[in-house]
């Protein structure tokens, strides 16, 4: 359903999709949104704090209207 999960020491976590092209962003964003809705509906689990699509072929980071961040892989640093 998603490609990666990052969990922080305080229990917050993020759901990440990883795609190569910009043409895949809209479809990829559906997965973390769907996962967040699932956890919210469950009521007993903590939903993801961050929803993100990491993309190889985009030139800038932005936040979509559905709350999903789109981040170019080139902006990730150690």
C-alpha atoms as a PDB file:
ATOM      1  CA  UNK A   1       0.000   0.000   0.000  1.00  0.00           C
ATOM      2  CA  UNK A   2       2.867   2.422   0.778  1.00  0.00           C
ATOM      3  CA  UNK A   3       6.591   2.168   0.107  1.00  0.00           C
ATOM      4  CA  UNK A   4       8.105   3.405   3.358  1.00  0.00           C
ATOM      5  CA  UNK A   5       7.280   4.286   6.952  1.00  0.00           C
ATOM      6  CA  UNK A   6       9.344   6.573   9.149  1.00  0.00           C
ATOM      7  CA  UNK A   7       8.610   6.467  12.872  1.00  0.00           C
ATOM      8  CA  UNK A   8       9.817   9.057  15.360  1.00  0.00           C
ATOM      9  CA  UNK A   9      10.740   8.300  18.962  1.00  0.00           C
ATOM     10  CA  UNK A  10       7.513   9.937  20.221  1.00  0.00           C
ATOM     11  CA  UNK A  11       5.341   7.516  18.221  1.00  0.00           C
ATOM     12  CA  UNK A  12       4.430   9.848  15.354  1.00  0.00           C
ATOM     13  CA  UNK A  13       4.966   8.355  11.920  1.00  0.00           C
ATOM     14  CA  UNK A  14       4.815   9.183   8.260  1.00  0.00           C
ATOM     15  CA  UNK A  15       3.608   7.270   5.209  1.00  0.00           C
ATOM     16  CA  UNK A  16       5.696   7.614   2.032  1.00  0.00           C
ATOM     17  CA  UNK A  17       5.200   6.644  -1.602  1.00  0.00           C
ATOM     18  CA  UNK A  18       8.218   6.725  -3.911  1.00  0.00           C
ATOM     19  CA  UNK A  19       7.770   7.343  -7.635  1.00  0.00           C
ATOM     20  CA  UNK A  20      10.048   8.275 -10.531  1.00  0.00           C
ATOM     21  CA  UNK A  21       7.885  10.546 -12.655  1.00  0.00           C
ATOM     22  CA  UNK A  22       5.610  13.519 -12.098  1.00  0.00           C
ATOM     23  CA  UNK A  23       2.872  11.774 -14.058  1.00  0.00           C
ATOM     24  CA  UNK A  24       2.558   9.255 -11.198  1.00  0.00           C
ATOM     25  CA  UNK A  25       2.076  11.744  -8.340  1.00  0.00           C
ATOM     26  CA  UNK A  26      -1.730  11.915  -8.413  1.00  0.00           C
ATOM     27  CA  UNK A  27      -2.105   8.138  -8.330  1.00  0.00           C
ATOM     28  CA  UNK A  28       0.640   7.723  -5.708  1.00  0.00           C
ATOM     29  CA  UNK A  29      -0.944  10.298  -3.385  1.00  0.00           C
ATOM     30  CA  UNK A  30      -4.087   8.184  -3.086  1.00  0.00           C
ATOM     31  CA  UNK A  31      -2.295   5.457  -1.089  1.00  0.00           C
ATOM     32  CA  UNK A  32      -1.156   7.486   1.941  1.00  0.00           C
ATOM     33  CA  UNK A  33      -4.507   9.329   2.018  1.00  0.00           C
ATOM     34  CA  UNK A  34      -6.350   5.993   1.968  1.00  0.00           C
ATOM     35  CA  UNK A  35      -4.115   4.686   4.759  1.00  0.00           C
ATOM     36  CA  UNK A  36      -4.717   7.777   6.891  1.00  0.00           C
ATOM     37  CA  UNK A  37      -8.499   7.411   6.481  1.00  0.00           C
ATOM     38  CA  UNK A  38      -8.247   3.730   7.469  1.00  0.00           C
ATOM     39  CA  UNK A  39      -6.422   4.568  10.713  1.00  0.00           C
ATOM     40  CA  UNK A  40      -8.796   7.420  11.540  1.00  0.00           C
ATOM     41  CA  UNK A  41     -11.815   5.154  10.990  1.00  0.00           C
ATOM     42  CA  UNK A  42     -10.279   2.472  13.211  1.00  0.00           C
ATOM     43  CA  UNK A  43     -10.208   4.870  16.145  1.00  0.00           C
ATOM     44  CA  UNK A  44      -7.728   2.777  18.139  1.00  0.00           C
ATOM     45  CA  UNK A  45      -4.569   3.509  16.173  1.00  0.00           C
ATOM     46  CA  UNK A  46      -2.544   6.637  15.571  1.00  0.00           C
ATOM     47  CA  UNK A  47      -2.873   7.851  11.950  1.00  0.00           C
ATOM     48  CA  UNK A  48       0.214   9.052  10.098  1.00  0.00           C
ATOM     49  CA  UNK A  49       1.329  12.592  10.908  1.00  0.00           C
ATOM     50  CA  UNK A  50       2.934  13.063   7.491  1.00  0.00           C
ATOM     51  CA  UNK A  51       1.762  11.939   4.067  1.00  0.00           C
ATOM     52  CA  UNK A  52       4.360  12.222   1.333  1.00  0.00           C
ATOM     53  CA  UNK A  53       5.220  11.269  -2.225  1.00  0.00           C
ATOM     54  CA  UNK A  54       8.942  11.314  -2.934  1.00  0.00           C
ATOM     55  CA  UNK A  55       9.453  11.921  -6.631  1.00  0.00           C
ATOM     56  CA  UNK A  56      12.562  11.620  -8.746  1.00  0.00           C
ATOM     57  CA  UNK A  57      11.565  14.044 -11.490  1.00  0.00           C
ATOM     58  CA  UNK A  58      10.159  17.165  -9.881  1.00  0.00           C
ATOM     59  CA  UNK A  59      12.041  20.390  -9.280  1.00  0.00           C
ATOM     60  CA  UNK A  60      10.433  21.698  -6.079  1.00  0.00           C
ATOM     61  CA  UNK A  61       8.589  20.538  -2.961  1.00  0.00           C
ATOM     62  CA  UNK A  62       4.980  21.472  -2.303  1.00  0.00           C
ATOM     63  CA  UNK A  63       1.906  20.463  -0.337  1.00  0.00           C
ATOM     64  CA  UNK A  64      -1.144  19.302  -2.249  1.00  0.00           C
ATOM     65  CA  UNK A  65      -4.700  20.271  -1.304  1.00  0.00           C
ATOM     66  CA  UNK A  66      -5.256  16.750   0.123  1.00  0.00           C
ATOM     67  CA  UNK A  67      -2.385  17.305   2.589  1.00  0.00           C
ATOM     68  CA  UNK A  68       0.158  15.124   0.795  1.00  0.00           C
ATOM     69  CA  UNK A  69       3.633  16.602   0.464  1.00  0.00           C
ATOM     70  CA  UNK A  70       5.443  16.080  -2.827  1.00  0.00           C
ATOM     71  CA  UNK A  71       9.204  16.153  -2.347  1.00  0.00           C
ATOM     72  CA  UNK A  72      11.941  15.749  -4.966  1.00  0.00           C
ATOM     73  CA  UNK A  73      14.427  13.075  -3.993  1.00  0.00           C
ATOM     74  CA  UNK A  74      17.229  15.526  -4.698  1.00  0.00           C
ATOM     75  CA  UNK A  75      16.138  17.664  -1.739  1.00  0.00           C
ATOM     76  CA  UNK A  76      16.652  14.832   0.781  1.00  0.00           C
ATOM     77  CA  UNK A  77      19.894  15.185   2.698  1.00  0.00           C
ATOM     78  CA  UNK A  78      21.498  13.194   5.536  1.00  0.00           C
END
